[in-house]
Structures are given as structure tokens and as C-alpha cells.
Amino acid sequence: MLTVADAAELLGVSSSTLRNWDRAGKLKARRHPMNGYRLYEKAEILVLREAIANYGPSGTDEPSGGKHEDDNSRK
């Protein structure tokens, strides 16, 4: 099991991003039984890291911002 900080470091995102993904249901955290801290399965984080490497943190293969080439022609 990984802490928020350890999982965030592996993914190359901030701890707050990881918590936001958890709240949004994109990632499932377990809770430590004694202190309630979020914990993540290492295997799940490694799968997510691979997806980020292939598609980016937004989960799409769009460039940052998700804009298409023809978006500017509509202005």
C-alpha cells in the first residue's frame, strides 16, 4: 500500500490532484484503519502511471487543453 505522497510521486502529480481524483471516483483509496489516511494499492497506481504515460493525466490523447485544430476557426 502507498501513501498519498508516495503514490503522487510515482504518478508525477501533486497530492491534491490525487485526492481530487479520489473524490471524483477516478481512483479508489482505501483508508488506514487506525488514522483514516488514504492508502492506494501499488498495482493500481502502476496501471494508472502507464495510462498517464500513454494518454496524459486527463485520460485522453488530446493535447493540453483539449483543443482541436479547427477550434480557432469558430471564433
N, C-alpha and C. Protein backbone atom coordinates (compact mmCIF):
# COMPACT_ATOMS: atom_id res chain seq x y z
N MET A 1 0.85 -1.18 0.00
CA MET A 1 0.00 0.00 0.00
C MET A 1 0.89 1.24 0.00
N LEU A 2 0.42 2.27 -0.70
CA LEU A 2 1.17 3.51 -0.81
C LEU A 2 0.40 4.65 -0.16
N THR A 3 1.14 5.56 0.45
CA THR A 3 0.53 6.77 0.98
C THR A 3 0.20 7.71 -0.17
N VAL A 4 -0.55 8.76 0.11
CA VAL A 4 -0.87 9.76 -0.91
C VAL A 4 0.41 10.34 -1.49
N ALA A 5 1.35 10.71 -0.64
CA ALA A 5 2.60 11.31 -1.11
C ALA A 5 3.39 10.36 -2.00
N ASP A 6 3.48 9.10 -1.60
CA ASP A 6 4.23 8.11 -2.39
C ASP A 6 3.56 7.85 -3.74
N ALA A 7 2.24 7.71 -3.73
CA ALA A 7 1.50 7.47 -4.97
C ALA A 7 1.60 8.68 -5.90
N ALA A 8 1.48 9.88 -5.34
CA ALA A 8 1.58 11.09 -6.15
C ALA A 8 2.96 11.21 -6.80
N GLU A 9 3.99 10.87 -6.05
CA GLU A 9 5.35 10.92 -6.60
C GLU A 9 5.51 9.93 -7.75
N LEU A 10 4.99 8.72 -7.59
CA LEU A 10 5.07 7.72 -8.67
C LEU A 10 4.34 8.18 -9.93
N LEU A 11 3.24 8.90 -9.73
CA LEU A 11 2.43 9.34 -10.87
C LEU A 11 2.90 10.66 -11.45
N GLY A 12 3.72 11.39 -10.71
CA GLY A 12 4.17 12.69 -11.18
C GLY A 12 3.11 13.77 -11.09
N VAL A 13 2.22 13.63 -10.10
CA VAL A 13 1.18 14.63 -9.86
C VAL A 13 1.26 15.06 -8.41
N SER A 14 0.52 16.10 -8.06
CA SER A 14 0.52 16.57 -6.68
C SER A 14 -0.39 15.70 -5.82
N SER A 15 -0.18 15.77 -4.52
CA SER A 15 -1.04 15.03 -3.59
C SER A 15 -2.49 15.50 -3.70
N SER A 16 -2.68 16.81 -3.90
CA SER A 16 -4.05 17.32 -4.00
C SER A 16 -4.74 16.81 -5.27
N THR A 17 -3.99 16.64 -6.35
CA THR A 17 -4.56 16.06 -7.57
C THR A 17 -5.03 14.64 -7.30
N LEU A 18 -4.22 13.88 -6.60
CA LEU A 18 -4.59 12.51 -6.27
C LEU A 18 -5.86 12.48 -5.41
N ARG A 19 -5.95 13.37 -4.44
CA ARG A 19 -7.15 13.44 -3.59
C ARG A 19 -8.37 13.84 -4.42
N ASN A 20 -8.18 14.76 -5.36
CA ASN A 20 -9.29 15.17 -6.23
C ASN A 20 -9.76 14.01 -7.09
N TRP A 21 -8.82 13.23 -7.64
CA TRP A 21 -9.19 12.06 -8.44
C TRP A 21 -9.96 11.06 -7.59
N ASP A 22 -9.57 10.93 -6.33
CA ASP A 22 -10.27 10.02 -5.41
C ASP A 22 -11.70 10.52 -5.20
N ARG A 23 -11.87 11.80 -4.91
CA ARG A 23 -13.20 12.37 -4.69
C ARG A 23 -14.08 12.25 -5.94
N ALA A 24 -13.45 12.36 -7.12
CA ALA A 24 -14.19 12.28 -8.38
C ALA A 24 -14.48 10.84 -8.79
N GLY A 25 -13.94 9.88 -8.05
CA GLY A 25 -14.18 8.48 -8.35
C GLY A 25 -13.26 7.90 -9.42
N LYS A 26 -12.23 8.64 -9.81
CA LYS A 26 -11.29 8.15 -10.82
C LYS A 26 -10.29 7.16 -10.24
N LEU A 27 -10.16 7.18 -8.94
CA LEU A 27 -9.20 6.34 -8.25
C LEU A 27 -9.81 5.98 -6.91
N LYS A 28 -9.61 4.76 -6.47
CA LYS A 28 -10.21 4.32 -5.21
C LYS A 28 -9.14 4.18 -4.13
N ALA A 29 -9.27 4.98 -3.10
CA ALA A 29 -8.36 4.89 -1.96
C ALA A 29 -8.98 3.98 -0.90
N ARG A 30 -8.13 3.27 -0.21
CA ARG A 30 -8.55 2.55 0.99
C ARG A 30 -8.19 3.46 2.16
N ARG A 31 -8.73 3.21 3.29
CA ARG A 31 -8.43 4.02 4.47
C ARG A 31 -7.70 3.19 5.51
N HIS A 32 -6.68 3.79 6.10
CA HIS A 32 -5.95 3.14 7.17
C HIS A 32 -6.91 2.97 8.34
N PRO A 33 -6.99 1.79 8.93
CA PRO A 33 -7.98 1.54 9.99
C PRO A 33 -7.75 2.35 11.26
N MET A 34 -6.53 2.77 11.52
CA MET A 34 -6.25 3.49 12.76
C MET A 34 -6.35 5.01 12.61
N ASN A 35 -5.88 5.55 11.47
CA ASN A 35 -5.83 7.00 11.35
C ASN A 35 -6.68 7.56 10.22
N GLY A 36 -7.26 6.70 9.40
CA GLY A 36 -8.15 7.15 8.32
C GLY A 36 -7.45 7.72 7.11
N TYR A 37 -6.12 7.69 7.08
CA TYR A 37 -5.38 8.23 5.93
C TYR A 37 -5.69 7.40 4.69
N ARG A 38 -5.64 8.06 3.55
CA ARG A 38 -5.82 7.36 2.28
C ARG A 38 -4.61 6.48 1.99
N LEU A 39 -4.87 5.30 1.46
CA LEU A 39 -3.83 4.38 1.01
C LEU A 39 -4.23 3.83 -0.35
N TYR A 40 -3.26 3.64 -1.21
CA TYR A 40 -3.52 3.17 -2.57
C TYR A 40 -2.77 1.87 -2.83
N GLU A 41 -3.41 0.98 -3.57
CA GLU A 41 -2.77 -0.27 -3.98
C GLU A 41 -1.67 0.07 -4.99
N LYS A 42 -0.47 -0.45 -4.76
CA LYS A 42 0.64 -0.14 -5.66
C LYS A 42 0.34 -0.59 -7.08
N ALA A 43 -0.25 -1.76 -7.26
CA ALA A 43 -0.56 -2.27 -8.60
C ALA A 43 -1.50 -1.32 -9.34
N GLU A 44 -2.49 -0.78 -8.64
CA GLU A 44 -3.44 0.15 -9.26
C GLU A 44 -2.74 1.44 -9.69
N ILE A 45 -1.83 1.92 -8.86
CA ILE A 45 -1.07 3.13 -9.18
C ILE A 45 -0.17 2.90 -10.38
N LEU A 46 0.44 1.73 -10.46
CA LEU A 46 1.32 1.43 -11.60
C LEU A 46 0.53 1.34 -12.91
N VAL A 47 -0.68 0.80 -12.85
CA VAL A 47 -1.55 0.76 -14.04
C VAL A 47 -1.91 2.18 -14.45
N LEU A 48 -2.25 3.01 -13.48
CA LEU A 48 -2.59 4.40 -13.77
C LEU A 48 -1.40 5.16 -14.33
N ARG A 49 -0.21 4.88 -13.81
CA ARG A 49 1.00 5.53 -14.32
C ARG A 49 1.21 5.19 -15.79
N GLU A 50 0.96 3.95 -16.15
CA GLU A 50 1.08 3.54 -17.56
C GLU A 50 0.06 4.28 -18.43
N ALA A 51 -1.17 4.41 -17.93
CA ALA A 51 -2.20 5.13 -18.68
C ALA A 51 -1.82 6.60 -18.86
N ILE A 52 -1.28 7.21 -17.82
CA ILE A 52 -0.85 8.61 -17.91
C ILE A 52 0.27 8.74 -18.93
N ALA A 53 1.19 7.79 -18.93
CA ALA A 53 2.30 7.83 -19.89
C ALA A 53 1.78 7.73 -21.32
N ASN A 54 0.71 6.96 -21.53
CA ASN A 54 0.17 6.76 -22.87
C ASN A 54 -0.82 7.84 -23.30
N TYR A 55 -1.61 8.36 -22.37
CA TYR A 55 -2.71 9.25 -22.72
C TYR A 55 -2.69 10.60 -22.03
N GLY A 56 -1.84 10.79 -21.04
CA GLY A 56 -1.83 12.05 -20.30
C GLY A 56 -2.74 11.97 -19.09
N PRO A 57 -2.59 12.91 -18.15
CA PRO A 57 -3.37 12.86 -16.91
C PRO A 57 -4.86 13.08 -17.10
N SER A 58 -5.28 13.68 -18.23
CA SER A 58 -6.71 13.91 -18.45
C SER A 58 -7.42 12.65 -18.93
N GLY A 59 -6.63 11.62 -19.34
CA GLY A 59 -7.22 10.39 -19.81
C GLY A 59 -7.56 10.39 -21.29
N THR A 60 -7.12 11.42 -22.01
CA THR A 60 -7.34 11.48 -23.45
C THR A 60 -6.01 11.65 -24.14
N ASP A 61 -6.03 11.48 -25.44
CA ASP A 61 -4.79 11.72 -26.17
C ASP A 61 -4.78 13.12 -26.78
N GLU A 62 -5.69 13.99 -26.30
CA GLU A 62 -5.73 15.38 -26.75
C GLU A 62 -4.54 16.14 -26.18
N PRO A 63 -4.07 17.13 -26.91
CA PRO A 63 -3.03 18.00 -26.34
C PRO A 63 -3.57 18.74 -25.14
N SER A 64 -2.72 19.33 -24.39
CA SER A 64 -3.12 20.07 -23.20
C SER A 64 -4.22 21.06 -23.55
N GLY A 65 -5.28 21.06 -22.77
CA GLY A 65 -6.39 21.96 -23.01
C GLY A 65 -7.49 21.33 -23.86
N GLY A 66 -7.20 20.22 -24.52
CA GLY A 66 -8.22 19.52 -25.28
C GLY A 66 -8.71 20.24 -26.52
N LYS A 67 -7.97 21.20 -27.04
CA LYS A 67 -8.38 21.97 -28.21
C LYS A 67 -8.07 21.20 -29.48
N HIS A 68 -8.93 21.35 -30.45
CA HIS A 68 -8.71 20.79 -31.78
C HIS A 68 -8.18 21.88 -32.69
N GLU A 69 -7.57 21.49 -33.80
CA GLU A 69 -7.02 22.46 -34.74
C GLU A 69 -8.08 23.43 -35.22
N ASP A 70 -9.29 22.94 -35.47
CA ASP A 70 -10.32 23.80 -36.04
C ASP A 70 -11.05 24.64 -35.01
N ASP A 71 -10.71 24.56 -33.73
CA ASP A 71 -11.37 25.36 -32.70
C ASP A 71 -11.20 26.85 -32.95
N ASN A 72 -10.05 27.27 -33.44
CA ASN A 72 -9.79 28.69 -33.67
C ASN A 72 -10.63 29.23 -34.82
N SER A 73 -11.01 28.41 -35.76
CA SER A 73 -11.79 28.87 -36.90
C SER A 73 -13.22 29.22 -36.51
N ARG A 74 -13.66 28.80 -35.35
CA ARG A 74 -15.03 29.07 -34.90
C ARG A 74 -15.16 30.40 -34.19
N LYS A 75 -14.06 31.07 -33.94
CA LYS A 75 -14.10 32.34 -33.18
C LYS A 75 -14.44 33.50 -34.07
